[in-house]
N, C-alpha and C. Protein backbone atom coordinates (compact mmCIF):
# COMPACT_ATOMS: atom_id res chain seq x y z
N MET A 1 -7.33 12.70 -18.73
CA MET A 1 -7.09 13.15 -17.36
C MET A 1 -7.55 12.08 -16.39
N GLU A 2 -6.75 11.81 -15.38
CA GLU A 2 -7.09 10.75 -14.43
C GLU A 2 -8.32 11.14 -13.63
N VAL A 3 -9.20 10.19 -13.42
CA VAL A 3 -10.47 10.46 -12.76
C VAL A 3 -10.58 9.63 -11.51
N GLN A 4 -10.92 10.28 -10.40
CA GLN A 4 -11.12 9.56 -9.16
C GLN A 4 -12.61 9.54 -8.86
N GLU A 5 -13.32 8.61 -9.47
CA GLU A 5 -14.75 8.52 -9.29
C GLU A 5 -15.13 7.07 -9.14
N THR A 6 -16.34 6.86 -8.69
CA THR A 6 -16.81 5.49 -8.47
C THR A 6 -17.75 5.06 -9.58
N ARG A 7 -17.57 5.57 -10.77
CA ARG A 7 -18.42 5.18 -11.88
C ARG A 7 -17.99 3.82 -12.41
N VAL A 8 -18.91 3.21 -13.15
CA VAL A 8 -18.63 1.91 -13.73
C VAL A 8 -17.61 2.09 -14.85
N GLN A 9 -16.58 1.26 -14.82
CA GLN A 9 -15.55 1.31 -15.85
C GLN A 9 -15.94 0.41 -17.01
N THR A 10 -15.44 0.76 -18.19
CA THR A 10 -15.67 -0.05 -19.37
C THR A 10 -14.37 -0.71 -19.79
N ASP A 11 -14.48 -1.87 -20.40
CA ASP A 11 -13.30 -2.57 -20.91
C ASP A 11 -13.03 -2.24 -22.37
N ARG A 12 -13.83 -1.35 -22.94
CA ARG A 12 -13.63 -0.97 -24.34
C ARG A 12 -12.29 -0.26 -24.50
N VAL A 13 -11.67 -0.50 -25.64
CA VAL A 13 -10.38 0.12 -25.94
C VAL A 13 -10.56 1.33 -26.84
N LEU A 14 -11.33 1.18 -27.91
CA LEU A 14 -11.49 2.25 -28.88
C LEU A 14 -12.61 3.20 -28.48
N THR A 15 -12.36 3.95 -27.41
CA THR A 15 -13.25 5.03 -27.02
C THR A 15 -12.58 6.35 -27.39
N ILE A 16 -13.37 7.40 -27.50
CA ILE A 16 -12.82 8.71 -27.87
C ILE A 16 -11.76 9.17 -26.86
N PRO A 17 -12.01 9.06 -25.53
CA PRO A 17 -10.96 9.46 -24.58
C PRO A 17 -9.67 8.66 -24.75
N ASN A 18 -9.79 7.34 -24.99
CA ASN A 18 -8.59 6.53 -25.16
C ASN A 18 -7.84 6.89 -26.44
N ILE A 19 -8.57 7.20 -27.49
CA ILE A 19 -7.93 7.61 -28.75
C ILE A 19 -7.17 8.92 -28.56
N LEU A 20 -7.76 9.84 -27.79
CA LEU A 20 -7.06 11.10 -27.50
C LEU A 20 -5.78 10.84 -26.71
N SER A 21 -5.85 9.93 -25.74
CA SER A 21 -4.66 9.60 -24.95
C SER A 21 -3.59 8.93 -25.82
N MET A 22 -4.01 8.06 -26.74
CA MET A 22 -3.06 7.42 -27.65
C MET A 22 -2.40 8.45 -28.56
N ALA A 23 -3.19 9.43 -29.02
CA ALA A 23 -2.63 10.49 -29.87
C ALA A 23 -1.59 11.29 -29.09
N ARG A 24 -1.85 11.53 -27.80
CA ARG A 24 -0.87 12.23 -26.98
C ARG A 24 0.43 11.45 -26.90
N LEU A 25 0.33 10.12 -26.77
CA LEU A 25 1.53 9.30 -26.70
C LEU A 25 2.31 9.34 -28.01
N VAL A 26 1.60 9.35 -29.14
CA VAL A 26 2.27 9.44 -30.45
C VAL A 26 3.01 10.77 -30.58
N GLY A 27 2.47 11.81 -29.95
CA GLY A 27 3.09 13.12 -30.04
C GLY A 27 4.37 13.26 -29.26
N VAL A 28 4.65 12.35 -28.34
CA VAL A 28 5.85 12.46 -27.50
C VAL A 28 7.14 12.43 -28.32
N PRO A 29 7.39 11.39 -29.16
CA PRO A 29 8.63 11.40 -29.95
C PRO A 29 8.69 12.56 -30.94
N LEU A 30 7.53 12.99 -31.48
CA LEU A 30 7.51 14.14 -32.38
C LEU A 30 7.95 15.40 -31.65
N PHE A 31 7.44 15.58 -30.45
CA PHE A 31 7.81 16.75 -29.65
C PHE A 31 9.31 16.75 -29.35
N LEU A 32 9.84 15.60 -28.95
CA LEU A 32 11.26 15.51 -28.61
C LEU A 32 12.12 15.79 -29.84
N TRP A 33 11.72 15.27 -31.00
CA TRP A 33 12.48 15.52 -32.24
C TRP A 33 12.48 17.01 -32.58
N LEU A 34 11.34 17.68 -32.43
CA LEU A 34 11.27 19.11 -32.73
C LEU A 34 12.14 19.92 -31.79
N ILE A 35 12.17 19.52 -30.52
CA ILE A 35 12.98 20.24 -29.53
C ILE A 35 14.47 20.11 -29.83
N LEU A 36 14.89 18.91 -30.25
CA LEU A 36 16.33 18.63 -30.40
C LEU A 36 16.87 18.89 -31.81
N ARG A 37 16.05 19.30 -32.74
CA ARG A 37 16.53 19.54 -34.11
C ARG A 37 17.72 20.49 -34.17
N PRO A 38 17.72 21.61 -33.43
CA PRO A 38 18.89 22.51 -33.51
C PRO A 38 20.19 21.88 -33.03
N GLU A 39 20.09 20.91 -32.12
CA GLU A 39 21.29 20.26 -31.58
C GLU A 39 21.95 19.34 -32.60
N PHE A 40 21.24 19.00 -33.65
CA PHE A 40 21.78 18.10 -34.67
C PHE A 40 21.88 18.78 -36.02
N GLY A 41 22.04 20.11 -35.98
CA GLY A 41 22.28 20.86 -37.21
C GLY A 41 21.03 21.27 -37.96
N GLY A 42 19.85 20.98 -37.44
CA GLY A 42 18.61 21.35 -38.11
C GLY A 42 18.14 22.73 -37.68
N PRO A 43 17.11 23.22 -38.35
CA PRO A 43 16.56 24.54 -37.97
C PRO A 43 15.80 24.46 -36.65
N ARG A 44 15.66 25.60 -36.01
CA ARG A 44 14.88 25.64 -34.78
C ARG A 44 13.40 25.46 -35.11
N SER A 45 12.77 24.58 -34.37
CA SER A 45 11.35 24.30 -34.58
C SER A 45 10.58 24.46 -33.27
N ASP A 46 11.00 25.46 -32.48
CA ASP A 46 10.39 25.63 -31.16
C ASP A 46 8.90 25.93 -31.25
N GLY A 47 8.51 26.69 -32.29
CA GLY A 47 7.10 27.01 -32.46
C GLY A 47 6.25 25.76 -32.67
N TRP A 48 6.74 24.85 -33.50
CA TRP A 48 6.02 23.60 -33.74
C TRP A 48 6.00 22.73 -32.47
N ALA A 49 7.12 22.74 -31.74
CA ALA A 49 7.19 21.97 -30.50
C ALA A 49 6.17 22.50 -29.49
N LEU A 50 6.04 23.83 -29.42
CA LEU A 50 5.06 24.42 -28.51
C LEU A 50 3.63 24.08 -28.93
N LEU A 51 3.41 24.01 -30.25
CA LEU A 51 2.09 23.64 -30.74
C LEU A 51 1.73 22.21 -30.33
N VAL A 52 2.69 21.29 -30.47
CA VAL A 52 2.46 19.90 -30.06
C VAL A 52 2.17 19.84 -28.57
N LEU A 53 2.92 20.61 -27.79
CA LEU A 53 2.72 20.62 -26.34
C LEU A 53 1.35 21.19 -25.98
N ALA A 54 0.94 22.25 -26.69
CA ALA A 54 -0.38 22.85 -26.43
C ALA A 54 -1.50 21.88 -26.78
N LEU A 55 -1.37 21.19 -27.91
CA LEU A 55 -2.39 20.20 -28.30
C LEU A 55 -2.45 19.06 -27.29
N SER A 56 -1.30 18.71 -26.74
CA SER A 56 -1.27 17.67 -25.71
C SER A 56 -2.04 18.11 -24.47
N GLY A 57 -1.85 19.37 -24.08
CA GLY A 57 -2.57 19.89 -22.92
C GLY A 57 -4.07 19.93 -23.14
N ILE A 58 -4.49 20.30 -24.36
CA ILE A 58 -5.92 20.33 -24.67
C ILE A 58 -6.51 18.92 -24.63
N SER A 59 -5.79 17.97 -25.23
CA SER A 59 -6.30 16.59 -25.24
C SER A 59 -6.31 15.99 -23.83
N ASP A 60 -5.36 16.41 -22.99
CA ASP A 60 -5.32 15.94 -21.61
C ASP A 60 -6.58 16.39 -20.87
N TYR A 61 -7.02 17.61 -21.15
CA TYR A 61 -8.25 18.12 -20.53
C TYR A 61 -9.47 17.41 -21.10
N LEU A 62 -9.50 17.22 -22.41
CA LEU A 62 -10.68 16.66 -23.06
C LEU A 62 -10.90 15.20 -22.73
N ASP A 63 -9.81 14.40 -22.67
CA ASP A 63 -10.04 12.96 -22.48
C ASP A 63 -10.74 12.66 -21.15
N GLY A 64 -10.36 13.40 -20.10
CA GLY A 64 -11.03 13.18 -18.82
C GLY A 64 -12.45 13.69 -18.81
N LYS A 65 -12.66 14.87 -19.40
CA LYS A 65 -14.01 15.45 -19.41
C LYS A 65 -14.96 14.59 -20.23
N LEU A 66 -14.51 14.12 -21.39
CA LEU A 66 -15.37 13.28 -22.22
C LEU A 66 -15.61 11.92 -21.57
N ALA A 67 -14.57 11.38 -20.90
CA ALA A 67 -14.74 10.09 -20.24
C ALA A 67 -15.82 10.16 -19.17
N ARG A 68 -15.86 11.26 -18.44
CA ARG A 68 -16.89 11.43 -17.41
C ARG A 68 -18.26 11.67 -18.02
N ARG A 69 -18.31 12.52 -19.02
CA ARG A 69 -19.61 12.88 -19.60
C ARG A 69 -20.24 11.73 -20.34
N TRP A 70 -19.43 10.94 -21.05
CA TRP A 70 -19.96 9.85 -21.87
C TRP A 70 -19.86 8.48 -21.19
N ASN A 71 -19.49 8.49 -19.90
CA ASN A 71 -19.36 7.23 -19.15
C ASN A 71 -18.43 6.25 -19.86
N GLN A 72 -17.28 6.77 -20.29
CA GLN A 72 -16.29 5.95 -20.99
C GLN A 72 -14.99 5.85 -20.19
N ILE A 73 -15.12 5.90 -18.87
CA ILE A 73 -13.95 5.71 -18.01
C ILE A 73 -13.51 4.26 -18.13
N SER A 74 -12.26 4.03 -18.43
CA SER A 74 -11.80 2.66 -18.68
C SER A 74 -10.50 2.39 -17.94
N SER A 75 -10.23 1.11 -17.74
CA SER A 75 -8.98 0.71 -17.11
C SER A 75 -7.79 1.13 -17.97
N LEU A 76 -7.93 0.99 -19.29
CA LEU A 76 -6.85 1.40 -20.18
C LEU A 76 -6.60 2.89 -20.09
N GLY A 77 -7.68 3.66 -20.02
CA GLY A 77 -7.54 5.11 -19.91
C GLY A 77 -6.82 5.53 -18.64
N ARG A 78 -7.08 4.81 -17.55
CA ARG A 78 -6.40 5.12 -16.29
C ARG A 78 -4.90 4.86 -16.38
N LEU A 79 -4.48 3.99 -17.30
CA LEU A 79 -3.06 3.73 -17.50
C LEU A 79 -2.45 4.70 -18.51
N LEU A 80 -3.19 4.96 -19.60
CA LEU A 80 -2.65 5.79 -20.68
C LEU A 80 -2.43 7.23 -20.24
N ASP A 81 -3.37 7.78 -19.48
CA ASP A 81 -3.31 9.20 -19.15
C ASP A 81 -2.08 9.56 -18.31
N PRO A 82 -1.84 8.91 -17.16
CA PRO A 82 -0.62 9.24 -16.42
C PRO A 82 0.65 8.88 -17.17
N ALA A 83 0.60 7.82 -18.01
CA ALA A 83 1.78 7.46 -18.80
C ALA A 83 2.13 8.58 -19.77
N ALA A 84 1.11 9.15 -20.42
CA ALA A 84 1.36 10.25 -21.35
C ALA A 84 1.90 11.48 -20.62
N ASP A 85 1.34 11.78 -19.45
CA ASP A 85 1.84 12.91 -18.65
C ASP A 85 3.32 12.74 -18.34
N ARG A 86 3.69 11.56 -17.85
CA ARG A 86 5.07 11.35 -17.44
C ARG A 86 6.02 11.34 -18.63
N LEU A 87 5.58 10.79 -19.76
CA LEU A 87 6.44 10.76 -20.93
C LEU A 87 6.67 12.17 -21.49
N TYR A 88 5.64 13.01 -21.46
CA TYR A 88 5.83 14.39 -21.91
C TYR A 88 6.79 15.13 -20.97
N ILE A 89 6.63 14.92 -19.69
CA ILE A 89 7.55 15.57 -18.74
C ILE A 89 8.97 15.06 -18.96
N LEU A 90 9.14 13.74 -19.14
CA LEU A 90 10.46 13.17 -19.35
C LEU A 90 11.08 13.68 -20.65
N SER A 91 10.31 13.70 -21.74
CA SER A 91 10.86 14.16 -23.01
C SER A 91 11.21 15.64 -22.96
N THR A 92 10.40 16.42 -22.25
CA THR A 92 10.70 17.84 -22.11
C THR A 92 11.95 18.06 -21.28
N LEU A 93 12.09 17.28 -20.21
CA LEU A 93 13.30 17.37 -19.40
C LEU A 93 14.55 17.04 -20.22
N VAL A 94 14.46 15.96 -21.00
CA VAL A 94 15.60 15.57 -21.83
C VAL A 94 15.94 16.68 -22.82
N GLY A 95 14.92 17.18 -23.53
CA GLY A 95 15.15 18.19 -24.55
C GLY A 95 15.69 19.50 -23.99
N LEU A 96 15.05 20.02 -22.95
CA LEU A 96 15.46 21.31 -22.39
C LEU A 96 16.79 21.22 -21.65
N THR A 97 17.06 20.08 -21.03
CA THR A 97 18.36 19.92 -20.36
C THR A 97 19.47 19.79 -21.40
N TRP A 98 19.22 19.05 -22.47
CA TRP A 98 20.20 18.91 -23.55
C TRP A 98 20.55 20.27 -24.15
N ARG A 99 19.55 21.12 -24.28
CA ARG A 99 19.78 22.46 -24.84
C ARG A 99 20.22 23.46 -23.79
N GLU A 100 20.43 22.99 -22.56
CA GLU A 100 20.94 23.80 -21.45
C GLU A 100 19.98 24.93 -21.07
N ILE A 101 18.68 24.70 -21.29
CA ILE A 101 17.67 25.64 -20.83
C ILE A 101 17.30 25.34 -19.39
N LEU A 102 17.25 24.07 -19.05
CA LEU A 102 17.00 23.63 -17.67
C LEU A 102 18.32 23.24 -17.02
N PRO A 103 18.53 23.59 -15.75
CA PRO A 103 19.74 23.16 -15.05
C PRO A 103 19.64 21.68 -14.65
N LEU A 104 20.78 21.07 -14.49
CA LEU A 104 20.81 19.65 -14.16
C LEU A 104 20.15 19.37 -12.81
N TRP A 105 20.28 20.29 -11.85
CA TRP A 105 19.73 20.03 -10.52
C TRP A 105 18.21 19.91 -10.55
N LEU A 106 17.55 20.72 -11.40
CA LEU A 106 16.10 20.64 -11.50
C LEU A 106 15.68 19.33 -12.16
N THR A 107 16.39 18.96 -13.22
CA THR A 107 16.10 17.69 -13.89
C THR A 107 16.30 16.53 -12.94
N ALA A 108 17.39 16.57 -12.17
CA ALA A 108 17.66 15.49 -11.21
C ALA A 108 16.58 15.41 -10.14
N ALA A 109 16.09 16.56 -9.68
CA ALA A 109 15.04 16.57 -8.65
C ALA A 109 13.76 15.93 -9.16
N LEU A 110 13.38 16.23 -10.39
CA LEU A 110 12.16 15.68 -10.95
C LEU A 110 12.30 14.19 -11.26
N LEU A 111 13.48 13.79 -11.77
CA LEU A 111 13.70 12.38 -12.07
C LEU A 111 13.79 11.55 -10.79
N ALA A 112 14.33 12.13 -9.73
CA ALA A 112 14.41 11.41 -8.45
C ALA A 112 13.01 11.13 -7.91
N ARG A 113 12.10 12.08 -8.10
CA ARG A 113 10.72 11.86 -7.67
C ARG A 113 10.08 10.73 -8.47
N GLU A 114 10.35 10.67 -9.77
CA GLU A 114 9.80 9.60 -10.59
C GLU A 114 10.36 8.24 -10.17
N ALA A 115 11.65 8.21 -9.86
CA ALA A 115 12.27 6.97 -9.40
C ALA A 115 11.63 6.51 -8.09
N MET A 116 11.37 7.44 -7.20
CA MET A 116 10.72 7.10 -5.93
C MET A 116 9.33 6.51 -6.16
N LEU A 117 8.59 7.10 -7.11
CA LEU A 117 7.25 6.59 -7.40
C LEU A 117 7.30 5.19 -8.01
N LEU A 118 8.30 4.92 -8.84
CA LEU A 118 8.45 3.59 -9.41
C LEU A 118 8.69 2.54 -8.33
N VAL A 119 9.46 2.90 -7.32
CA VAL A 119 9.69 2.00 -6.19
C VAL A 119 8.38 1.73 -5.46
N MET A 120 7.57 2.79 -5.28
CA MET A 120 6.28 2.62 -4.59
C MET A 120 5.35 1.70 -5.38
N VAL A 121 5.34 1.86 -6.71
CA VAL A 121 4.50 0.99 -7.55
C VAL A 121 4.96 -0.45 -7.43
N TRP A 122 6.27 -0.67 -7.40
CA TRP A 122 6.81 -2.03 -7.26
C TRP A 122 6.39 -2.64 -5.92
N ILE A 123 6.43 -1.84 -4.85
CA ILE A 123 6.02 -2.33 -3.53
C ILE A 123 4.53 -2.69 -3.53
N LEU A 124 3.73 -1.84 -4.15
CA LEU A 124 2.30 -2.11 -4.21
C LEU A 124 2.01 -3.41 -4.96
N ARG A 125 2.70 -3.62 -6.06
CA ARG A 125 2.48 -4.84 -6.84
C ARG A 125 2.87 -6.08 -6.05
N ARG A 126 3.91 -5.99 -5.25
CA ARG A 126 4.30 -7.12 -4.42
C ARG A 126 3.21 -7.49 -3.43
N HIS A 127 2.42 -6.50 -3.03
CA HIS A 127 1.34 -6.76 -2.07
C HIS A 127 -0.01 -6.91 -2.75
N GLY A 128 -0.02 -6.97 -4.08
CA GLY A 128 -1.26 -7.22 -4.80
C GLY A 128 -2.14 -6.02 -5.02
N TYR A 129 -1.58 -4.81 -4.91
CA TYR A 129 -2.37 -3.59 -5.11
C TYR A 129 -2.04 -2.98 -6.48
N PRO A 130 -3.01 -2.31 -7.10
CA PRO A 130 -2.73 -1.62 -8.36
C PRO A 130 -1.94 -0.34 -8.10
N PRO A 131 -1.38 0.28 -9.14
CA PRO A 131 -0.68 1.55 -8.94
C PRO A 131 -1.62 2.61 -8.38
N PRO A 132 -1.11 3.54 -7.60
CA PRO A 132 -1.98 4.58 -7.02
C PRO A 132 -2.53 5.48 -8.11
N GLN A 133 -3.78 5.92 -7.93
CA GLN A 133 -4.39 6.83 -8.88
C GLN A 133 -3.81 8.23 -8.71
N VAL A 134 -3.79 8.96 -9.81
CA VAL A 134 -3.31 10.33 -9.76
C VAL A 134 -4.32 11.18 -8.99
N ASN A 135 -3.86 11.91 -7.99
CA ASN A 135 -4.76 12.76 -7.22
C ASN A 135 -4.72 14.20 -7.74
N PHE A 136 -5.54 15.05 -7.14
CA PHE A 136 -5.62 16.44 -7.60
C PHE A 136 -4.28 17.15 -7.47
N LEU A 137 -3.56 16.87 -6.38
CA LEU A 137 -2.27 17.52 -6.17
C LEU A 137 -1.28 17.13 -7.26
N GLY A 138 -1.27 15.85 -7.64
CA GLY A 138 -0.39 15.41 -8.71
C GLY A 138 -0.73 16.05 -10.03
N LYS A 139 -2.04 16.19 -10.31
CA LYS A 139 -2.46 16.85 -11.54
C LYS A 139 -2.06 18.32 -11.54
N ALA A 140 -2.23 18.98 -10.39
CA ALA A 140 -1.85 20.39 -10.29
C ALA A 140 -0.36 20.56 -10.53
N ALA A 141 0.45 19.64 -10.01
CA ALA A 141 1.89 19.69 -10.24
C ALA A 141 2.21 19.54 -11.72
N THR A 142 1.53 18.59 -12.38
CA THR A 142 1.78 18.36 -13.80
C THR A 142 1.40 19.59 -14.62
N PHE A 143 0.26 20.20 -14.31
CA PHE A 143 -0.16 21.39 -15.05
C PHE A 143 0.84 22.54 -14.86
N ASN A 144 1.35 22.71 -13.65
CA ASN A 144 2.35 23.76 -13.42
C ASN A 144 3.59 23.52 -14.26
N LEU A 145 4.05 22.27 -14.30
CA LEU A 145 5.24 21.95 -15.08
C LEU A 145 4.99 22.11 -16.57
N MET A 146 3.79 21.74 -17.01
CA MET A 146 3.48 21.87 -18.44
C MET A 146 3.33 23.33 -18.86
N TYR A 147 3.04 24.23 -17.92
CA TYR A 147 3.10 25.66 -18.19
C TYR A 147 4.55 26.15 -18.15
N ALA A 148 5.32 25.62 -17.21
CA ALA A 148 6.70 26.09 -17.02
C ALA A 148 7.57 25.80 -18.23
N PHE A 149 7.49 24.59 -18.76
CA PHE A 149 8.40 24.18 -19.83
C PHE A 149 8.28 25.02 -21.09
N PRO A 150 7.07 25.26 -21.63
CA PRO A 150 7.01 26.11 -22.82
C PRO A 150 7.44 27.54 -22.56
N LEU A 151 7.14 28.06 -21.35
CA LEU A 151 7.57 29.42 -21.03
C LEU A 151 9.09 29.52 -20.98
N LEU A 152 9.74 28.50 -20.40
CA LEU A 152 11.20 28.50 -20.36
C LEU A 152 11.79 28.35 -21.76
N LEU A 153 11.11 27.60 -22.61
CA LEU A 153 11.56 27.48 -23.99
C LEU A 153 11.45 28.82 -24.70
N LEU A 154 10.39 29.57 -24.41
CA LEU A 154 10.21 30.89 -25.01
C LEU A 154 11.18 31.93 -24.46
N SER A 155 11.78 31.65 -23.30
CA SER A 155 12.63 32.65 -22.64
C SER A 155 14.01 32.76 -23.27
N GLU A 156 14.35 31.88 -24.20
CA GLU A 156 15.66 31.96 -24.85
C GLU A 156 15.75 33.22 -25.70
N GLY A 157 16.84 33.95 -25.54
CA GLY A 157 17.06 35.14 -26.36
C GLY A 157 16.91 36.41 -25.55
N GLU A 158 16.78 37.55 -26.26
CA GLU A 158 16.69 38.85 -25.63
C GLU A 158 15.29 39.43 -25.82
N GLY A 159 15.00 40.48 -25.04
CA GLY A 159 13.73 41.18 -25.18
C GLY A 159 12.87 41.06 -23.93
N TRP A 160 11.99 42.04 -23.76
CA TRP A 160 11.17 42.08 -22.55
C TRP A 160 10.19 40.91 -22.49
N LEU A 161 9.69 40.47 -23.67
CA LEU A 161 8.75 39.37 -23.68
C LEU A 161 9.40 38.07 -23.22
N ARG A 162 10.64 37.87 -23.65
CA ARG A 162 11.37 36.67 -23.24
C ARG A 162 11.73 36.73 -21.76
N SER A 163 12.04 37.95 -21.29
CA SER A 163 12.32 38.11 -19.85
C SER A 163 11.08 37.80 -19.02
N LEU A 164 9.91 38.24 -19.50
CA LEU A 164 8.66 37.96 -18.81
C LEU A 164 8.37 36.46 -18.81
N ALA A 165 8.66 35.80 -19.94
CA ALA A 165 8.46 34.35 -20.04
C ALA A 165 9.36 33.63 -19.04
N ALA A 166 10.58 34.14 -18.87
CA ALA A 166 11.51 33.51 -17.92
C ALA A 166 11.01 33.64 -16.49
N ILE A 167 10.48 34.81 -16.14
CA ILE A 167 9.99 35.03 -14.77
C ILE A 167 8.84 34.08 -14.46
N PHE A 168 7.85 34.05 -15.34
CA PHE A 168 6.70 33.18 -15.11
C PHE A 168 7.07 31.71 -15.25
N GLY A 169 7.98 31.41 -16.18
CA GLY A 169 8.41 30.03 -16.37
C GLY A 169 9.07 29.46 -15.13
N TRP A 170 9.96 30.24 -14.53
CA TRP A 170 10.64 29.75 -13.33
C TRP A 170 9.70 29.71 -12.13
N ALA A 171 8.70 30.61 -12.10
CA ALA A 171 7.71 30.55 -11.03
C ALA A 171 6.90 29.26 -11.12
N PHE A 172 6.42 28.95 -12.32
CA PHE A 172 5.67 27.71 -12.50
C PHE A 172 6.55 26.49 -12.24
N ALA A 173 7.82 26.57 -12.63
CA ALA A 173 8.73 25.44 -12.40
C ALA A 173 8.93 25.21 -10.90
N GLY A 174 9.07 26.28 -10.14
CA GLY A 174 9.22 26.15 -8.69
C GLY A 174 7.98 25.57 -8.04
N TRP A 175 6.81 26.10 -8.40
CA TRP A 175 5.56 25.57 -7.84
C TRP A 175 5.35 24.12 -8.26
N GLY A 176 5.60 23.85 -9.53
CA GLY A 176 5.37 22.50 -10.03
C GLY A 176 6.27 21.47 -9.37
N THR A 177 7.54 21.82 -9.20
CA THR A 177 8.48 20.90 -8.57
C THR A 177 8.10 20.64 -7.11
N THR A 178 7.71 21.71 -6.41
CA THR A 178 7.28 21.56 -5.01
C THR A 178 6.04 20.67 -4.90
N LEU A 179 5.05 20.94 -5.74
CA LEU A 179 3.83 20.14 -5.71
C LEU A 179 4.09 18.70 -6.15
N TYR A 180 5.02 18.54 -7.10
CA TYR A 180 5.36 17.21 -7.59
C TYR A 180 5.92 16.34 -6.47
N TRP A 181 6.81 16.94 -5.67
CA TRP A 181 7.38 16.20 -4.54
C TRP A 181 6.36 16.01 -3.42
N TRP A 182 5.53 17.00 -3.21
CA TRP A 182 4.48 16.89 -2.19
C TRP A 182 3.55 15.73 -2.53
N ALA A 183 3.12 15.66 -3.80
CA ALA A 183 2.27 14.55 -4.23
C ALA A 183 3.00 13.22 -4.09
N GLY A 184 4.30 13.21 -4.39
CA GLY A 184 5.08 11.98 -4.26
C GLY A 184 5.16 11.51 -2.81
N ILE A 185 5.33 12.45 -1.89
CA ILE A 185 5.39 12.09 -0.47
C ILE A 185 4.05 11.55 0.00
N LEU A 186 2.96 12.13 -0.50
CA LEU A 186 1.63 11.61 -0.15
C LEU A 186 1.44 10.19 -0.67
N TYR A 187 2.00 9.89 -1.85
CA TYR A 187 1.96 8.52 -2.38
C TYR A 187 2.70 7.57 -1.46
N VAL A 188 3.86 8.01 -0.97
CA VAL A 188 4.65 7.17 -0.07
C VAL A 188 3.85 6.88 1.21
N VAL A 189 3.19 7.91 1.75
CA VAL A 189 2.36 7.73 2.95
C VAL A 189 1.22 6.75 2.67
N GLN A 190 0.59 6.92 1.50
CA GLN A 190 -0.51 6.02 1.12
C GLN A 190 -0.04 4.58 1.00
N VAL A 191 1.11 4.39 0.35
CA VAL A 191 1.66 3.04 0.18
C VAL A 191 2.01 2.44 1.54
N ARG A 192 2.59 3.23 2.41
CA ARG A 192 2.97 2.75 3.74
C ARG A 192 1.75 2.28 4.52
N ARG A 193 0.66 3.02 4.43
CA ARG A 193 -0.57 2.63 5.13
C ARG A 193 -1.14 1.34 4.56
N LEU A 194 -1.16 1.23 3.24
CA LEU A 194 -1.69 0.03 2.60
C LEU A 194 -0.88 -1.21 2.99
N VAL A 195 0.45 -1.07 2.94
CA VAL A 195 1.32 -2.20 3.28
C VAL A 195 1.15 -2.58 4.75
N LYS A 196 1.05 -1.58 5.61
CA LYS A 196 0.85 -1.84 7.05
C LYS A 196 -0.46 -2.56 7.30
N THR A 197 -1.53 -2.10 6.62
CA THR A 197 -2.84 -2.75 6.76
C THR A 197 -2.79 -4.18 6.25
N ASP A 198 -2.10 -4.38 5.14
CA ASP A 198 -1.98 -5.72 4.56
C ASP A 198 -1.24 -6.66 5.51
N ARG A 199 -0.18 -6.18 6.13
CA ARG A 199 0.58 -7.03 7.07
C ARG A 199 -0.24 -7.37 8.30
N GLN A 200 -0.98 -6.38 8.81
CA GLN A 200 -1.82 -6.63 9.98
C GLN A 200 -2.92 -7.65 9.65
N ALA A 201 -3.49 -7.55 8.44
CA ALA A 201 -4.52 -8.49 8.04
C ALA A 201 -3.98 -9.90 7.94
N ARG A 202 -2.75 -10.05 7.46
CA ARG A 202 -2.16 -11.38 7.36
C ARG A 202 -1.85 -11.96 8.73
N LEU A 203 -1.44 -11.08 9.66
CA LEU A 203 -1.12 -11.56 11.00
C LEU A 203 -2.36 -12.01 11.77
N THR A 204 -3.47 -11.35 11.53
CA THR A 204 -4.69 -11.67 12.26
C THR A 204 -5.54 -12.72 11.57
N SER A 205 -5.21 -13.03 10.32
CA SER A 205 -6.02 -14.03 9.60
C SER A 205 -5.71 -15.43 10.14
N PRO A 206 -6.72 -16.33 10.20
CA PRO A 206 -6.50 -17.67 10.76
C PRO A 206 -5.67 -18.52 9.81
């Protein structure tokens, strides 16, 4: 989990939080394969896919908590954690859209936000700034989406339990998408301020 603290960072690679983040990244292609098995003539493996997603959520919580408790906050961890979040969201979007569980408009809205953030990162790099850190709002958006996707996967079929999963799944999807864009707009504002400050500093420098 991304941490916004002023603690001393370590350059170590093989820390427990980093290993957890690496394990989450390894789980991304496994999760996507489990989701798409029925589309290629294989048996449905939604239960296993949900298990991988649940383990990812647990490790996402643990890596940040352990990094803070054991003073193992690292530059690599700050890169791995948001990368794993985005890859899980992307793989879930691909899988659920392919299976026609998610509508194209929702997938397009989430991907457009990611494209906007990539442009902001490119602008920051041109001005010598690192990528923006994930803030609380961005994390809240990710958690909402990570709740929404498994619920929507469970909503396939008939029965009151699946209907309940659909109701809560779409509620979390709506909140998550709104917060995702809200966090993205805040990133744009942050980048605009940094670039403006950088230009003013260059103009006033001798």
